[in-house]
Amino acid sequence: MELSYLGILLIIASVGVGWILSYIKSRFEIMGYKKELKEFQDHLNRQMKITGEGSKNLEDELAELKKSNENLRISVQTLGQKPGRAEIRLLNIYDGALRKMMLKAPGFSSAWEVALQEAEKEYEENEKGFKSIIKKVFGPSISHTSTETQIQKSAQKEGFNN
């Protein structure tokens, strides 16, 4: 086999055509990869925008909730400082403690209920005027004196003599 000039030229031409075809094929593949890469970048940008907006909304909501929480905390603190609130708070604490005590000490509850009923009756009598607070504070010595003598004594102290 002789390699002629025409044979060498055909070999070189076929190599050149193969190279050109492979170059064209690789360009199409590169364009496809670039298109796919562009789609991935667009998708990533959309996801980042969505995530950014979501996190911004969450941060705004968190800031709003913190502000609302602080306002409510201040309102609760202000309401807690109104007259009578300290007594109500203490009453609630005592109520909780008494309920726990009744659960833990069975003998305590019956004695407590009797004492509570007596105290309620006494309080109602004070409210209705059956017993005056002065009589309760100063004891039985004043409770035996009549109300007229008490009025006369108070009038004499103030300088209103009849």
N, C-alpha and C. Protein backbone atom coordinates (compact mmCIF):
# COMPACT_ATOMS: atom_id res chain seq x y z
N MET A 1 0.82 -1.15 0.00
CA MET A 1 0.00 0.00 0.00
C MET A 1 0.87 1.23 0.00
N GLU A 2 0.54 1.89 -0.93
CA GLU A 2 1.25 3.13 -1.10
C GLU A 2 0.37 4.27 -0.64
N LEU A 3 1.01 5.13 0.00
CA LEU A 3 0.27 6.33 0.38
C LEU A 3 0.54 7.37 -0.68
N SER A 4 -0.49 7.68 -1.29
CA SER A 4 -0.35 8.70 -2.31
C SER A 4 -0.75 10.05 -1.75
N TYR A 5 -0.50 10.97 -2.60
CA TYR A 5 -0.81 12.32 -2.20
C TYR A 5 -2.30 12.45 -1.93
N LEU A 6 -3.10 11.83 -2.70
CA LEU A 6 -4.54 11.89 -2.55
C LEU A 6 -4.96 11.15 -1.27
N GLY A 7 -4.35 10.06 -0.94
CA GLY A 7 -4.66 9.31 0.27
C GLY A 7 -4.34 10.12 1.53
N ILE A 8 -3.17 10.79 1.49
CA ILE A 8 -2.77 11.60 2.64
C ILE A 8 -3.74 12.77 2.79
N LEU A 9 -4.12 13.34 1.66
CA LEU A 9 -5.04 14.46 1.70
C LEU A 9 -6.41 14.02 2.25
N LEU A 10 -6.87 12.83 1.89
CA LEU A 10 -8.13 12.32 2.41
C LEU A 10 -8.03 12.06 3.92
N ILE A 11 -6.92 11.55 4.36
CA ILE A 11 -6.74 11.30 5.80
C ILE A 11 -6.75 12.63 6.56
N ILE A 12 -6.05 13.61 6.06
CA ILE A 12 -5.99 14.92 6.72
C ILE A 12 -7.38 15.57 6.68
N ALA A 13 -8.08 15.44 5.54
CA ALA A 13 -9.42 16.03 5.43
C ALA A 13 -10.38 15.34 6.38
N SER A 14 -10.33 14.02 6.51
CA SER A 14 -11.22 13.31 7.42
C SER A 14 -10.92 13.67 8.88
N VAL A 15 -9.65 13.82 9.21
CA VAL A 15 -9.29 14.24 10.57
C VAL A 15 -9.82 15.65 10.83
N GLY A 16 -9.68 16.55 9.84
CA GLY A 16 -10.15 17.92 9.98
C GLY A 16 -11.67 17.97 10.12
N VAL A 17 -12.38 17.17 9.27
CA VAL A 17 -13.84 17.14 9.35
C VAL A 17 -14.27 16.57 10.70
N GLY A 18 -13.59 15.55 11.18
CA GLY A 18 -13.90 14.97 12.50
C GLY A 18 -13.66 15.97 13.61
N TRP A 19 -12.56 16.71 13.48
CA TRP A 19 -12.27 17.72 14.49
C TRP A 19 -13.34 18.81 14.47
N ILE A 20 -13.75 19.27 13.30
CA ILE A 20 -14.77 20.31 13.17
C ILE A 20 -16.11 19.80 13.72
N LEU A 21 -16.45 18.55 13.40
CA LEU A 21 -17.71 17.99 13.90
C LEU A 21 -17.67 17.85 15.43
N SER A 22 -16.54 17.40 15.96
CA SER A 22 -16.45 17.28 17.43
C SER A 22 -16.48 18.67 18.10
N TYR A 23 -15.87 19.67 17.41
CA TYR A 23 -15.89 21.03 17.93
C TYR A 23 -17.33 21.56 17.95
N ILE A 24 -18.07 21.34 16.90
CA ILE A 24 -19.47 21.78 16.82
C ILE A 24 -20.30 21.06 17.89
N LYS A 25 -20.06 19.75 18.01
CA LYS A 25 -20.79 18.98 19.03
C LYS A 25 -20.48 19.50 20.43
N SER A 26 -19.22 19.77 20.71
CA SER A 26 -18.85 20.28 22.04
C SER A 26 -19.44 21.66 22.28
N ARG A 27 -19.54 22.51 21.24
CA ARG A 27 -20.16 23.83 21.39
C ARG A 27 -21.64 23.68 21.74
N PHE A 28 -22.33 22.75 21.09
CA PHE A 28 -23.74 22.53 21.43
C PHE A 28 -23.88 22.03 22.87
N GLU A 29 -22.99 21.13 23.29
CA GLU A 29 -23.03 20.64 24.67
C GLU A 29 -22.72 21.76 25.65
N ILE A 30 -21.75 22.60 25.32
CA ILE A 30 -21.40 23.73 26.20
C ILE A 30 -22.57 24.69 26.28
N MET A 31 -23.24 24.94 25.14
CA MET A 31 -24.42 25.83 25.17
C MET A 31 -25.52 25.22 26.03
N GLY A 32 -25.70 23.90 25.95
CA GLY A 32 -26.70 23.23 26.79
C GLY A 32 -26.34 23.34 28.27
N TYR A 33 -25.05 23.16 28.58
CA TYR A 33 -24.60 23.28 29.97
C TYR A 33 -24.74 24.71 30.47
N LYS A 34 -24.43 25.68 29.61
CA LYS A 34 -24.57 27.08 30.00
C LYS A 34 -26.04 27.41 30.26
N LYS A 35 -26.93 26.88 29.39
CA LYS A 35 -28.36 27.10 29.58
C LYS A 35 -28.83 26.48 30.89
N GLU A 36 -28.36 25.26 31.17
CA GLU A 36 -28.72 24.59 32.42
C GLU A 36 -28.16 25.34 33.62
N LEU A 37 -26.92 25.81 33.52
CA LEU A 37 -26.31 26.60 34.58
C LEU A 37 -27.09 27.89 34.81
N LYS A 38 -27.53 28.54 33.73
CA LYS A 38 -28.33 29.76 33.85
C LYS A 38 -29.65 29.47 34.55
N GLU A 39 -30.29 28.33 34.22
CA GLU A 39 -31.54 27.95 34.89
C GLU A 39 -31.30 27.70 36.38
N PHE A 40 -30.20 27.03 36.71
CA PHE A 40 -29.87 26.79 38.12
C PHE A 40 -29.62 28.10 38.85
N GLN A 41 -28.92 29.04 38.20
CA GLN A 41 -28.67 30.33 38.82
C GLN A 41 -29.98 31.10 39.03
N ASP A 42 -30.86 31.08 38.04
CA ASP A 42 -32.16 31.75 38.20
C ASP A 42 -32.96 31.12 39.34
N HIS A 43 -32.94 29.80 39.39
CA HIS A 43 -33.65 29.10 40.47
C HIS A 43 -33.06 29.46 41.83
N LEU A 44 -31.74 29.48 41.90
CA LEU A 44 -31.07 29.84 43.15
C LEU A 44 -31.39 31.27 43.55
N ASN A 45 -31.41 32.18 42.59
CA ASN A 45 -31.75 33.58 42.88
C ASN A 45 -33.19 33.70 43.38
N ARG A 46 -34.11 32.97 42.74
CA ARG A 46 -35.51 32.99 43.21
C ARG A 46 -35.61 32.45 44.63
N GLN A 47 -34.93 31.35 44.89
CA GLN A 47 -34.96 30.76 46.23
C GLN A 47 -34.36 31.71 47.26
N MET A 48 -33.26 32.36 46.89
CA MET A 48 -32.64 33.31 47.82
C MET A 48 -33.55 34.50 48.08
N LYS A 49 -34.25 34.99 47.03
CA LYS A 49 -35.18 36.10 47.23
C LYS A 49 -36.33 35.67 48.13
N ILE A 50 -36.87 34.48 47.89
CA ILE A 50 -37.98 33.98 48.71
C ILE A 50 -37.52 33.82 50.15
N THR A 51 -36.36 33.22 50.34
CA THR A 51 -35.83 33.02 51.69
C THR A 51 -35.54 34.35 52.36
N GLY A 52 -34.98 35.30 51.59
CA GLY A 52 -34.68 36.63 52.13
C GLY A 52 -35.94 37.35 52.56
N GLU A 53 -36.97 37.29 51.71
CA GLU A 53 -38.24 37.94 52.05
C GLU A 53 -38.88 37.27 53.27
N GLY A 54 -38.81 35.94 53.30
CA GLY A 54 -39.38 35.21 54.44
C GLY A 54 -38.67 35.54 55.73
N SER A 55 -37.33 35.58 55.67
CA SER A 55 -36.59 35.89 56.90
C SER A 55 -36.80 37.35 57.31
N LYS A 56 -36.94 38.24 56.31
CA LYS A 56 -37.21 39.64 56.64
C LYS A 56 -38.58 39.76 57.31
N ASN A 57 -39.58 39.04 56.76
CA ASN A 57 -40.92 39.06 57.37
C ASN A 57 -40.88 38.50 58.78
N LEU A 58 -40.11 37.42 58.97
CA LEU A 58 -40.00 36.84 60.31
C LEU A 58 -39.32 37.81 61.28
N GLU A 59 -38.28 38.49 60.80
CA GLU A 59 -37.60 39.47 61.66
C GLU A 59 -38.53 40.62 62.02
N ASP A 60 -39.30 41.10 61.02
CA ASP A 60 -40.25 42.18 61.30
C ASP A 60 -41.31 41.72 62.29
N GLU A 61 -41.81 40.51 62.10
CA GLU A 61 -42.82 39.98 63.02
C GLU A 61 -42.24 39.79 64.41
N LEU A 62 -40.98 39.32 64.47
CA LEU A 62 -40.32 39.15 65.77
C LEU A 62 -40.16 40.49 66.47
N ALA A 63 -39.74 41.52 65.72
CA ALA A 63 -39.58 42.84 66.32
C ALA A 63 -40.93 43.37 66.81
N GLU A 64 -41.98 43.14 66.02
CA GLU A 64 -43.32 43.59 66.42
C GLU A 64 -43.79 42.84 67.67
N LEU A 65 -43.54 41.53 67.71
CA LEU A 65 -43.94 40.75 68.89
C LEU A 65 -43.15 41.15 70.12
N LYS A 66 -41.86 41.47 69.94
CA LYS A 66 -41.06 41.93 71.08
C LYS A 66 -41.62 43.25 71.61
N LYS A 67 -41.97 44.14 70.68
CA LYS A 67 -42.54 45.44 71.09
C LYS A 67 -43.87 45.23 71.81
N SER A 68 -44.71 44.37 71.25
CA SER A 68 -46.00 44.08 71.87
C SER A 68 -45.81 43.43 73.24
N ASN A 69 -44.85 42.52 73.33
CA ASN A 69 -44.56 41.86 74.60
C ASN A 69 -44.10 42.88 75.64
N GLU A 70 -43.25 43.81 75.23
CA GLU A 70 -42.77 44.83 76.16
C GLU A 70 -43.93 45.72 76.62
N ASN A 71 -44.81 46.09 75.67
CA ASN A 71 -45.98 46.91 76.03
C ASN A 71 -46.88 46.17 77.01
N LEU A 72 -47.11 44.89 76.75
CA LEU A 72 -47.95 44.10 77.65
C LEU A 72 -47.29 43.94 79.02
N ARG A 73 -45.97 43.75 79.03
CA ARG A 73 -45.27 43.62 80.30
C ARG A 73 -45.40 44.91 81.12
N ILE A 74 -45.28 46.05 80.45
CA ILE A 74 -45.42 47.33 81.13
C ILE A 74 -46.86 47.51 81.61
N SER A 75 -47.84 47.10 80.78
CA SER A 75 -49.25 47.21 81.19
C SER A 75 -49.53 46.34 82.41
N VAL A 76 -49.01 45.12 82.40
CA VAL A 76 -49.21 44.22 83.54
C VAL A 76 -48.56 44.80 84.79
N GLN A 77 -47.36 45.35 84.61
CA GLN A 77 -46.67 45.94 85.76
C GLN A 77 -47.45 47.15 86.28
N THR A 78 -47.98 47.96 85.38
CA THR A 78 -48.77 49.14 85.78
C THR A 78 -50.05 48.71 86.49
N LEU A 79 -50.72 47.71 85.92
CA LEU A 79 -51.95 47.23 86.56
C LEU A 79 -51.65 46.59 87.91
N GLY A 80 -50.50 45.97 88.03
CA GLY A 80 -50.13 45.36 89.30
C GLY A 80 -49.84 46.37 90.39
N GLN A 81 -49.57 47.62 90.00
CA GLN A 81 -49.25 48.65 90.98
C GLN A 81 -50.46 49.48 91.37
N LYS A 82 -51.63 49.19 90.79
CA LYS A 82 -52.83 49.93 91.17
C LYS A 82 -53.20 49.58 92.60
N PRO A 83 -53.91 50.48 93.28
CA PRO A 83 -54.30 50.21 94.67
C PRO A 83 -55.14 48.93 94.77
N GLY A 84 -54.80 48.13 95.73
CA GLY A 84 -55.55 46.91 95.99
C GLY A 84 -55.00 45.70 95.26
N ARG A 85 -54.17 45.90 94.26
CA ARG A 85 -53.64 44.77 93.49
C ARG A 85 -52.66 43.95 94.32
N ALA A 86 -51.89 44.61 95.17
CA ALA A 86 -50.94 43.87 96.00
C ALA A 86 -51.68 42.94 96.95
N GLU A 87 -52.81 43.43 97.47
CA GLU A 87 -53.59 42.61 98.38
C GLU A 87 -54.22 41.44 97.64
N ILE A 88 -54.70 41.69 96.42
CA ILE A 88 -55.29 40.60 95.63
C ILE A 88 -54.23 39.57 95.29
N ARG A 89 -53.03 40.04 94.95
CA ARG A 89 -51.93 39.13 94.64
C ARG A 89 -51.60 38.28 95.87
N LEU A 90 -51.50 38.93 97.03
CA LEU A 90 -51.20 38.21 98.26
C LEU A 90 -52.32 37.22 98.59
N LEU A 91 -53.56 37.63 98.36
CA LEU A 91 -54.70 36.75 98.60
C LEU A 91 -54.62 35.52 97.69
N ASN A 92 -54.28 35.72 96.44
CA ASN A 92 -54.15 34.59 95.52
C ASN A 92 -53.01 33.66 95.95
N ILE A 93 -51.92 34.23 96.43
CA ILE A 93 -50.80 33.41 96.91
C ILE A 93 -51.23 32.59 98.11
N TYR A 94 -51.91 33.26 99.05
CA TYR A 94 -52.39 32.54 100.23
C TYR A 94 -53.39 31.45 99.85
N ASP A 95 -54.27 31.75 98.89
CA ASP A 95 -55.24 30.76 98.44
C ASP A 95 -54.54 29.54 97.87
N GLY A 96 -53.54 29.76 97.04
CA GLY A 96 -52.79 28.63 96.48
C GLY A 96 -52.08 27.84 97.56
N ALA A 97 -51.49 28.56 98.51
CA ALA A 97 -50.78 27.88 99.60
C ALA A 97 -51.75 27.07 100.45
N LEU A 98 -52.92 27.61 100.73
CA LEU A 98 -53.90 26.89 101.54
C LEU A 98 -54.40 25.65 100.81
N ARG A 99 -54.62 25.75 99.52
CA ARG A 99 -55.06 24.58 98.76
C ARG A 99 -53.99 23.48 98.78
N LYS A 100 -52.74 23.89 98.64
CA LYS A 100 -51.67 22.90 98.73
C LYS A 100 -51.60 22.29 100.12
N MET A 101 -51.80 23.12 101.13
CA MET A 101 -51.76 22.64 102.51
C MET A 101 -52.88 21.65 102.77
N MET A 102 -54.07 21.93 102.21
CA MET A 102 -55.20 21.02 102.39
C MET A 102 -54.93 19.67 101.74
N LEU A 103 -54.22 19.68 100.64
CA LEU A 103 -53.89 18.42 99.98
C LEU A 103 -52.84 17.64 100.76
N LYS A 104 -51.88 18.36 101.34
CA LYS A 104 -50.77 17.69 102.00
C LYS A 104 -51.09 17.28 103.44
N ALA A 105 -51.91 18.08 104.14
CA ALA A 105 -52.22 17.79 105.54
C ALA A 105 -53.73 17.59 105.68
N PRO A 106 -54.18 16.34 105.69
CA PRO A 106 -55.62 16.08 105.73
C PRO A 106 -56.31 16.61 106.99
N GLY A 107 -55.67 16.61 108.12
CA GLY A 107 -56.29 17.10 109.36
C GLY A 107 -56.43 18.60 109.38
N PHE A 108 -55.63 19.25 108.61
CA PHE A 108 -55.64 20.71 108.56
C PHE A 108 -56.91 21.23 107.90
N SER A 109 -57.40 20.53 106.90
CA SER A 109 -58.51 21.06 106.11
C SER A 109 -59.79 21.22 106.92
N SER A 110 -60.12 20.27 107.78
CA SER A 110 -61.36 20.40 108.55
C SER A 110 -61.25 21.55 109.55
N ALA A 111 -60.11 21.67 110.22
CA ALA A 111 -59.93 22.78 111.16
C ALA A 111 -59.93 24.10 110.41
N TRP A 112 -59.35 24.09 109.24
CA TRP A 112 -59.31 25.32 108.44
C TRP A 112 -60.71 25.72 108.00
N GLU A 113 -61.52 24.78 107.57
CA GLU A 113 -62.87 25.09 107.12
C GLU A 113 -63.70 25.68 108.26
N VAL A 114 -63.56 25.15 109.46
CA VAL A 114 -64.29 25.68 110.62
C VAL A 114 -63.84 27.11 110.90
N ALA A 115 -62.52 27.31 110.91
CA ALA A 115 -62.00 28.66 111.17
C ALA A 115 -62.42 29.62 110.07
N LEU A 116 -62.45 29.16 108.85
CA LEU A 116 -62.86 30.00 107.73
C LEU A 116 -64.32 30.40 107.84
N GLN A 117 -65.18 29.47 108.20
CA GLN A 117 -66.60 29.78 108.36
C GLN A 117 -66.81 30.78 109.49
N GLU A 118 -66.08 30.61 110.59
CA GLU A 118 -66.20 31.56 111.70
C GLU A 118 -65.72 32.95 111.27
N ALA A 119 -64.62 32.99 110.55
CA ALA A 119 -64.10 34.29 110.09
C ALA A 119 -65.07 34.94 109.12
N GLU A 120 -65.68 34.18 108.24
CA GLU A 120 -66.66 34.73 107.30
C GLU A 120 -67.87 35.29 108.05
N LYS A 121 -68.33 34.56 109.05
CA LYS A 121 -69.49 35.01 109.84
C LYS A 121 -69.14 36.31 110.57
N GLU A 122 -67.95 36.36 111.14
CA GLU A 122 -67.49 37.55 111.85
C GLU A 122 -67.39 38.74 110.90
N TYR A 123 -66.86 38.50 109.71
CA TYR A 123 -66.72 39.56 108.72
C TYR A 123 -68.07 40.08 108.28
N GLU A 124 -69.01 39.18 108.05
CA GLU A 124 -70.36 39.60 107.66
C GLU A 124 -71.02 40.41 108.76
N GLU A 125 -70.80 40.03 110.03
CA GLU A 125 -71.37 40.80 111.14
C GLU A 125 -70.76 42.19 111.19
N ASN A 126 -69.47 42.29 110.93
CA ASN A 126 -68.82 43.61 110.90
C ASN A 126 -69.37 44.46 109.76
N GLU A 127 -69.61 43.82 108.61
CA GLU A 127 -70.14 44.55 107.46
C GLU A 127 -71.56 45.04 107.71
N LYS A 128 -72.37 44.23 108.40
CA LYS A 128 -73.77 44.59 108.64
C LYS A 128 -73.91 45.53 109.82
N GLY A 129 -72.88 45.66 110.64
CA GLY A 129 -72.94 46.57 111.77
C GLY A 129 -73.29 45.92 113.08
N PHE A 130 -73.39 44.59 113.13
CA PHE A 130 -73.69 43.93 114.39
C PHE A 130 -72.55 44.11 115.38
N LYS A 131 -71.36 44.10 114.89
CA LYS A 131 -70.19 44.32 115.73
C LYS A 131 -69.44 45.49 115.16
N SER A 132 -69.06 46.38 115.97
CA SER A 132 -68.29 47.50 115.45
C SER A 132 -66.80 47.15 115.50
N ILE A 133 -66.05 47.75 114.63
CA ILE A 133 -64.61 47.48 114.58
C ILE A 133 -63.94 47.97 115.85
N ILE A 134 -64.46 49.04 116.41
CA ILE A 134 -63.87 49.57 117.65
C ILE A 134 -64.00 48.55 118.77
N LYS A 135 -65.16 47.91 118.87
CA LYS A 135 -65.34 46.90 119.91
C LYS A 135 -64.39 45.74 119.71
N LYS A 136 -64.16 45.39 118.46
CA LYS A 136 -63.28 44.27 118.17
C LYS A 136 -61.83 44.63 118.51
N VAL A 137 -61.44 45.87 118.22
CA VAL A 137 -60.06 46.28 118.45
C VAL A 137 -59.78 46.46 119.94
N PHE A 138 -60.69 47.14 120.67
CA PHE A 138 -60.43 47.45 122.07
C PHE A 138 -60.86 46.36 123.04
N GLY A 139 -61.52 45.35 122.57
CA GLY A 139 -61.84 44.22 123.42
C GLY A 139 -63.17 44.33 124.11
N PRO A 140 -63.44 43.41 125.06
CA PRO A 140 -64.75 43.33 125.70
C PRO A 140 -65.03 44.47 126.67
N SER A 141 -64.03 45.22 127.16
CA SER A 141 -64.31 46.28 128.13
C SER A 141 -65.17 47.36 127.51
N ILE A 142 -64.94 47.69 126.25
CA ILE A 142 -65.74 48.72 125.59
C ILE A 142 -67.04 48.12 125.09
N SER A 143 -67.02 46.86 124.77
CA SER A 143 -68.23 46.25 124.22
C SER A 143 -69.36 46.21 125.25
N HIS A 144 -69.04 46.27 126.53
CA HIS A 144 -70.09 46.25 127.55
C HIS A 144 -70.72 47.62 127.76
N THR A 145 -70.03 48.67 127.38
CA THR A 145 -70.63 50.01 127.56
C THR A 145 -71.63 50.25 126.46
N SER A 146 -72.58 51.07 126.77
CA SER A 146 -73.64 51.33 125.79
C SER A 146 -73.14 52.30 124.72
N THR A 147 -73.83 52.32 123.62
CA THR A 147 -73.44 53.21 122.52
C THR A 147 -73.69 54.67 122.88
N GLU A 148 -74.69 54.94 123.77
CA GLU A 148 -74.96 56.31 124.17
C GLU A 148 -73.81 56.89 124.97
N THR A 149 -73.23 56.08 125.84
CA THR A 149 -72.12 56.59 126.63
C THR A 149 -70.91 56.83 125.74
N GLN A 150 -70.75 56.04 124.72
CA GLN A 150 -69.63 56.25 123.80
C GLN A 150 -69.83 57.55 123.03
N ILE A 151 -71.04 57.82 122.60
CA ILE A 151 -71.33 59.06 121.87
C ILE A 151 -71.11 60.26 122.77
N GLN A 152 -71.55 60.18 124.04
CA GLN A 152 -71.36 61.28 124.98
C GLN A 152 -69.88 61.52 125.23
N LYS A 153 -69.13 60.46 125.39
CA LYS A 153 -67.70 60.61 125.65
C LYS A 153 -66.99 61.25 124.44
N SER A 154 -67.38 60.83 123.27
CA SER A 154 -66.73 61.39 122.08
C SER A 154 -67.12 62.85 121.90
N ALA A 155 -68.35 63.21 122.25
CA ALA A 155 -68.80 64.59 122.16
C ALA A 155 -68.07 65.46 123.17
N GLN A 156 -67.83 64.95 124.38
CA GLN A 156 -67.10 65.70 125.39
C GLN A 156 -65.65 65.92 124.98
N LYS A 157 -65.04 64.91 124.34
CA LYS A 157 -63.66 65.08 123.89
C LYS A 157 -63.53 66.16 122.83
N GLU A 158 -64.56 66.28 122.00
CA GLU A 158 -64.51 67.26 120.93
C GLU A 158 -64.93 68.64 121.39
N GLY A 159 -65.47 68.74 122.59
CA GLY A 159 -65.85 70.03 123.14
C GLY A 159 -67.30 70.42 122.91
N PHE A 160 -68.13 69.45 122.61
CA PHE A 160 -69.55 69.70 122.41
C PHE A 160 -70.31 69.27 123.67
N ASN A 161 -70.34 70.02 124.68
CA ASN A 161 -71.07 69.67 125.89
C ASN A 161 -72.51 70.07 125.76
N ASN A 162 -73.42 69.22 126.26
CA ASN A 162 -74.86 69.51 126.17
C ASN A 162 -75.28 70.37 127.32
